[in-house]
Amino acid sequence: MTDRVENLEGLTKFVAQVDLRGVVAQECHAVRHSGEAPARAEVSLDTELSHRPNSVDYRFTLKCQALTEEDSAVADISVVLLTSFTFSGDEAEESVYQDFGANVAIMTAYPYLRQNVHDLAARIGLINFTLGLLKQPNRAQGFSIIATATPQ
């Protein structure tokens, strides 16, 4: 998904009809590979959507690899989160569902993704490991997430 809005009028109408039904963490996984402190992190975020009459779900899969300055793996963390929305009115065009996911649903899900990564990192001994704010510096590339880590 990208953050470009193909149908702004359709998206605006759809947002007015939508309610959040729930946010569920479907999978949380963390593994520590070494005792070294991470110097940086590589983060990816994939989005899938499914819709049926009067509801649309977005599944966000965030994967984070903590690395040393020499690019050795310190830890791998992944979180899969489902956001579910209900809406009244007519079904929307596919582009509206995609625009909603890229511009609204992700903003709903990201705090939960970020908190889960932080909690998982703490459980495996990566103290103060926190993802940065959601950034979109190059709209042509879709989502870009800046990750930061404070060594122990």
C-alpha atoms as a PDB file:
ATOM      1  CA  MET A   1       0.000   0.000   0.000  1.00  0.00           C
ATOM      2  CA  THR A   2       1.087   3.531  -0.568  1.00  0.00           C
ATOM      3  CA  ASP A   3       0.098   6.787   1.042  1.00  0.00           C
ATOM      4  CA  ARG A   4      -1.139   8.392  -2.183  1.00  0.00           C
ATOM      5  CA  VAL A   5      -4.867   9.017  -2.171  1.00  0.00           C
ATOM      6  CA  GLU A   6      -6.439   8.017  -5.463  1.00  0.00           C
ATOM      7  CA  ASN A   7      -9.994   8.964  -4.505  1.00  0.00           C
ATOM      8  CA  LEU A   8     -10.003  11.694  -1.828  1.00  0.00           C
ATOM      9  CA  GLU A   9     -13.762  12.248  -2.021  1.00  0.00           C
ATOM     10  CA  GLY A  10     -14.427   8.506  -1.652  1.00  0.00           C
ATOM     11  CA  LEU A  11     -11.961   8.246   1.241  1.00  0.00           C
ATOM     12  CA  THR A  12     -13.505  11.226   3.047  1.00  0.00           C
ATOM     13  CA  LYS A  13     -16.978   9.712   2.706  1.00  0.00           C
ATOM     14  CA  PHE A  14     -15.715   6.306   3.863  1.00  0.00           C
ATOM     15  CA  VAL A  15     -13.929   7.717   6.941  1.00  0.00           C
ATOM     16  CA  ALA A  16     -17.199   9.317   8.066  1.00  0.00           C
ATOM     17  CA  GLN A  17     -18.871   5.870   8.017  1.00  0.00           C
ATOM     18  CA  VAL A  18     -16.152   3.811   9.729  1.00  0.00           C
ATOM     19  CA  ASP A  19     -15.860   2.648  13.336  1.00  0.00           C
ATOM     20  CA  LEU A  20     -12.990   0.700  14.855  1.00  0.00           C
ATOM     21  CA  ARG A  21     -14.214  -2.736  15.926  1.00  0.00           C
ATOM     22  CA  GLY A  22     -10.973  -3.970  17.437  1.00  0.00           C
ATOM     23  CA  VAL A  23      -7.210  -4.301  17.440  1.00  0.00           C
ATOM     24  CA  VAL A  24      -5.749  -7.748  18.083  1.00  0.00           C
ATOM     25  CA  ALA A  25      -2.131  -8.872  18.261  1.00  0.00           C
ATOM     26  CA  GLN A  26      -2.122 -12.125  16.293  1.00  0.00           C
ATOM     27  CA  GLU A  27       1.544 -12.956  16.700  1.00  0.00           C
ATOM     28  CA  CYS A  28       4.437 -11.637  18.749  1.00  0.00           C
ATOM     29  CA  HIS A  29       7.907 -13.116  18.441  1.00  0.00           C
ATOM     30  CA  ALA A  30      11.340 -12.103  19.705  1.00  0.00           C
ATOM     31  CA  VAL A  31      14.656 -13.922  19.731  1.00  0.00           C
ATOM     32  CA  ARG A  32      18.024 -12.681  20.984  1.00  0.00           C
ATOM     33  CA  HIS A  33      21.041 -13.847  18.956  1.00  0.00           C
ATOM     34  CA  SER A  34      23.850 -12.212  20.940  1.00  0.00           C
ATOM     35  CA  GLY A  35      24.502 -10.223  24.079  1.00  0.00           C
ATOM     36  CA  GLU A  36      25.837  -7.246  22.138  1.00  0.00           C
ATOM     37  CA  ALA A  37      24.071  -3.895  22.222  1.00  0.00           C
ATOM     38  CA  PRO A  38      22.322  -2.940  18.983  1.00  0.00           C
ATOM     39  CA  ALA A  39      23.604   0.074  17.088  1.00  0.00           C
ATOM     40  CA  ARG A  40      20.754   0.221  14.567  1.00  0.00           C
ATOM     41  CA  ALA A  41      17.668  -1.590  13.386  1.00  0.00           C
ATOM     42  CA  GLU A  42      16.173  -2.533  10.046  1.00  0.00           C
ATOM     43  CA  VAL A  43      12.395  -2.447  10.033  1.00  0.00           C
ATOM     44  CA  SER A  44       9.835  -3.555   7.462  1.00  0.00           C
ATOM     45  CA  LEU A  45       6.066  -3.196   7.485  1.00  0.00           C
ATOM     46  CA  ASP A  46       3.752  -5.180   5.225  1.00  0.00           C
ATOM     47  CA  THR A  47       0.023  -4.628   4.933  1.00  0.00           C
ATOM     48  CA  GLU A  48      -2.753  -6.914   3.744  1.00  0.00           C
ATOM     49  CA  LEU A  49      -6.443  -6.128   3.608  1.00  0.00           C
ATOM     50  CA  SER A  50      -9.630  -8.108   3.343  1.00  0.00           C
ATOM     51  CA  HIS A  51     -13.156  -6.793   3.144  1.00  0.00           C
ATOM     52  CA  ARG A  52     -16.640  -8.191   3.274  1.00  0.00           C
ATOM     53  CA  PRO A  53     -20.029  -6.501   3.571  1.00  0.00           C
ATOM     54  CA  ASN A  54     -19.841  -3.701   6.138  1.00  0.00           C
ATOM     55  CA  SER A  55     -16.362  -4.545   7.428  1.00  0.00           C
ATOM     56  CA  VAL A  56     -12.734  -4.274   6.418  1.00  0.00           C
ATOM     57  CA  ASP A  57      -9.697  -5.767   8.137  1.00  0.00           C
ATOM     58  CA  TYR A  58      -6.042  -4.824   7.827  1.00  0.00           C
ATOM     59  CA  ARG A  59      -3.242  -7.157   8.839  1.00  0.00           C
ATOM     60  CA  PHE A  60       0.053  -5.413   9.585  1.00  0.00           C
ATOM     61  CA  THR A  61       3.242  -7.440   9.820  1.00  0.00           C
ATOM     62  CA  LEU A  62       6.152  -5.533  11.322  1.00  0.00           C
ATOM     63  CA  LYS A  63       9.593  -7.157  11.338  1.00  0.00           C
ATOM     64  CA  CYS A  64      12.535  -5.613  13.111  1.00  0.00           C
ATOM     65  CA  GLN A  65      16.126  -6.806  13.078  1.00  0.00           C
ATOM     66  CA  ALA A  66      18.492  -5.249  15.619  1.00  0.00           C
ATOM     67  CA  LEU A  67      22.071  -5.085  14.349  1.00  0.00           C
ATOM     68  CA  THR A  68      25.520  -4.128  15.605  1.00  0.00           C
ATOM     69  CA  GLU A  69      27.628  -1.525  13.814  1.00  0.00           C
ATOM     70  CA  GLU A  70      29.307  -4.438  12.007  1.00  0.00           C
ATOM     71  CA  ASP A  71      25.859  -5.688  10.839  1.00  0.00           C
ATOM     72  CA  SER A  72      25.859  -8.741  13.100  1.00  0.00           C
ATOM     73  CA  ALA A  73      22.372  -9.817  14.175  1.00  0.00           C
ATOM     74  CA  VAL A  74      21.574  -8.987  17.801  1.00  0.00           C
ATOM     75  CA  ALA A  75      17.858  -9.813  17.778  1.00  0.00           C
ATOM     76  CA  ASP A  76      14.809 -10.379  15.605  1.00  0.00           C
ATOM     77  CA  ILE A  77      11.399  -9.092  16.642  1.00  0.00           C
ATOM     78  CA  SER A  78       8.125  -9.466  14.769  1.00  0.00           C
ATOM     79  CA  VAL A  79       4.566  -8.438  15.491  1.00  0.00           C
ATOM     80  CA  VAL A  80       1.443  -9.255  13.484  1.00  0.00           C
ATOM     81  CA  LEU A  81      -1.520  -7.042  14.280  1.00  0.00           C
ATOM     82  CA  LEU A  82      -5.081  -7.121  12.972  1.00  0.00           C
ATOM     83  CA  THR A  83      -7.211  -3.973  12.917  1.00  0.00           C
ATOM     84  CA  SER A  84     -10.869  -4.516  12.173  1.00  0.00           C
ATOM     85  CA  PHE A  85     -13.288  -1.800  11.115  1.00  0.00           C
ATOM     86  CA  THR A  86     -17.030  -1.764  10.523  1.00  0.00           C
ATOM     87  CA  PHE A  87     -18.874   0.709   8.358  1.00  0.00           C
ATOM     88  CA  SER A  88     -22.398   1.629   7.354  1.00  0.00           C
ATOM     89  CA  GLY A  89     -23.536   2.438   3.878  1.00  0.00           C
ATOM     90  CA  ASP A  90     -22.521   1.112   0.502  1.00  0.00           C
ATOM     91  CA  GLU A  91     -19.405  -0.877  -0.250  1.00  0.00           C
ATOM     92  CA  ALA A  92     -16.458   1.271  -1.307  1.00  0.00           C
ATOM     93  CA  GLU A  93     -14.179   0.889  -4.299  1.00  0.00           C
ATOM     94  CA  GLU A  94     -11.024  -1.174  -3.784  1.00  0.00           C
ATOM     95  CA  SER A  95      -8.894   1.989  -4.052  1.00  0.00           C
ATOM     96  CA  VAL A  96     -10.782   3.516  -1.094  1.00  0.00           C
ATOM     97  CA  TYR A  97     -10.018   0.473   1.075  1.00  0.00           C
ATOM     98  CA  GLN A  98      -6.356   0.763   0.087  1.00  0.00           C
ATOM     99  CA  ASP A  99      -6.257   4.519   0.734  1.00  0.00           C
ATOM    100  CA  PHE A 100      -7.928   4.014   4.121  1.00  0.00           C
ATOM    101  CA  GLY A 101      -5.358   1.366   5.069  1.00  0.00           C
ATOM    102  CA  ALA A 102      -2.412   3.484   3.984  1.00  0.00           C
ATOM    103  CA  ASN A 103      -3.586   6.700   5.608  1.00  0.00           C
ATOM    104  CA  VAL A 104      -5.911   5.840   8.504  1.00  0.00           C
ATOM    105  CA  ALA A 105      -5.667   2.186   9.555  1.00  0.00           C
ATOM    106  CA  ILE A 106      -1.872   2.337   9.791  1.00  0.00           C
ATOM    107  CA  MET A 107      -2.097   5.335  12.111  1.00  0.00           C
ATOM    108  CA  THR A 108      -4.504   3.337  14.272  1.00  0.00           C
ATOM    109  CA  ALA A 109      -2.223   0.279  14.342  1.00  0.00           C
ATOM    110  CA  TYR A 110       1.216   1.870  14.665  1.00  0.00           C
ATOM    111  CA  PRO A 111       1.083   2.750  18.395  1.00  0.00           C
ATOM    112  CA  TYR A 112       0.189  -0.891  19.132  1.00  0.00           C
ATOM    113  CA  LEU A 113       2.948  -2.190  16.865  1.00  0.00           C
ATOM    114  CA  ARG A 114       5.456   0.180  18.447  1.00  0.00           C
ATOM    115  CA  GLN A 115       4.459  -0.768  22.007  1.00  0.00           C
ATOM    116  CA  ASN A 116       4.611  -4.489  21.261  1.00  0.00           C
ATOM    117  CA  VAL A 117       8.101  -4.142  19.777  1.00  0.00           C
ATOM    118  CA  HIS A 118       9.228  -2.142  22.823  1.00  0.00           C
ATOM    119  CA  ASP A 119       7.775  -4.723  25.241  1.00  0.00           C
ATOM    120  CA  LEU A 120       9.257  -7.685  23.372  1.00  0.00           C
ATOM    121  CA  ALA A 121      12.651  -5.986  23.182  1.00  0.00           C
ATOM    122  CA  ALA A 122      12.619  -5.394  26.956  1.00  0.00           C
ATOM    123  CA  ARG A 123      11.743  -9.044  27.578  1.00  0.00           C
ATOM    124  CA  ILE A 124      14.842 -10.188  25.709  1.00  0.00           C
ATOM    125  CA  GLY A 125      17.099  -7.637  27.375  1.00  0.00           C
ATOM    126  CA  LEU A 126      17.148  -4.800  24.840  1.00  0.00           C
ATOM    127  CA  ILE A 127      16.529  -1.972  27.276  1.00  0.00           C
ATOM    128  CA  ASN A 128      15.257   1.349  25.848  1.00  0.00           C
ATOM    129  CA  PHE A 129      14.851  -0.131  22.353  1.00  0.00           C
ATOM    130  CA  THR A 130      12.097   1.937  20.759  1.00  0.00           C
ATOM    131  CA  LEU A 131      10.875   2.387  17.216  1.00  0.00           C
ATOM    132  CA  GLY A 132      10.776   5.954  16.051  1.00  0.00           C
ATOM    133  CA  LEU A 133       7.748   7.788  14.742  1.00  0.00           C
ATOM    134  CA  LEU A 134       6.108   6.613  11.544  1.00  0.00           C
ATOM    135  CA  LYS A 135       7.797   8.504   8.697  1.00  0.00           C
ATOM    136  CA  GLN A 136       6.928   8.780   5.043  1.00  0.00           C
ATOM    137  CA  PRO A 137       9.810  10.750   3.540  1.00  0.00           C
ATOM    138  CA  ASN A 138       9.406   9.410   0.005  1.00  0.00           C
ATOM    139  CA  ARG A 139       5.809   8.779  -0.942  1.00  0.00           C
ATOM    140  CA  ALA A 140       6.874   6.706  -3.953  1.00  0.00           C
ATOM    141  CA  GLN A 141       8.479   4.145  -1.641  1.00  0.00           C
ATOM    142  CA  GLY A 142       5.483   3.687   0.647  1.00  0.00           C
ATOM    143  CA  PHE A 143       6.058   3.327   4.381  1.00  0.00           C
ATOM    144  CA  SER A 144       9.416   3.943   5.918  1.00  0.00           C
ATOM    145  CA  ILE A 145       9.896   3.430   9.629  1.00  0.00           C
ATOM    146  CA  ILE A 146      12.837   4.915  11.483  1.00  0.00           C
ATOM    147  CA  ALA A 147      14.084   2.752  14.331  1.00  0.00           C
ATOM    148  CA  THR A 148      16.346   3.916  17.125  1.00  0.00           C
ATOM    149  CA  ALA A 149      18.070   2.051  19.881  1.00  0.00           C
ATOM    150  CA  THR A 150      19.857   3.158  23.003  1.00  0.00           C
ATOM    151  CA  PRO A 151      22.662   0.718  23.879  1.00  0.00           C
ATOM    152  CA  GLN A 152      22.566  -0.809  27.346  1.00  0.00           C
END
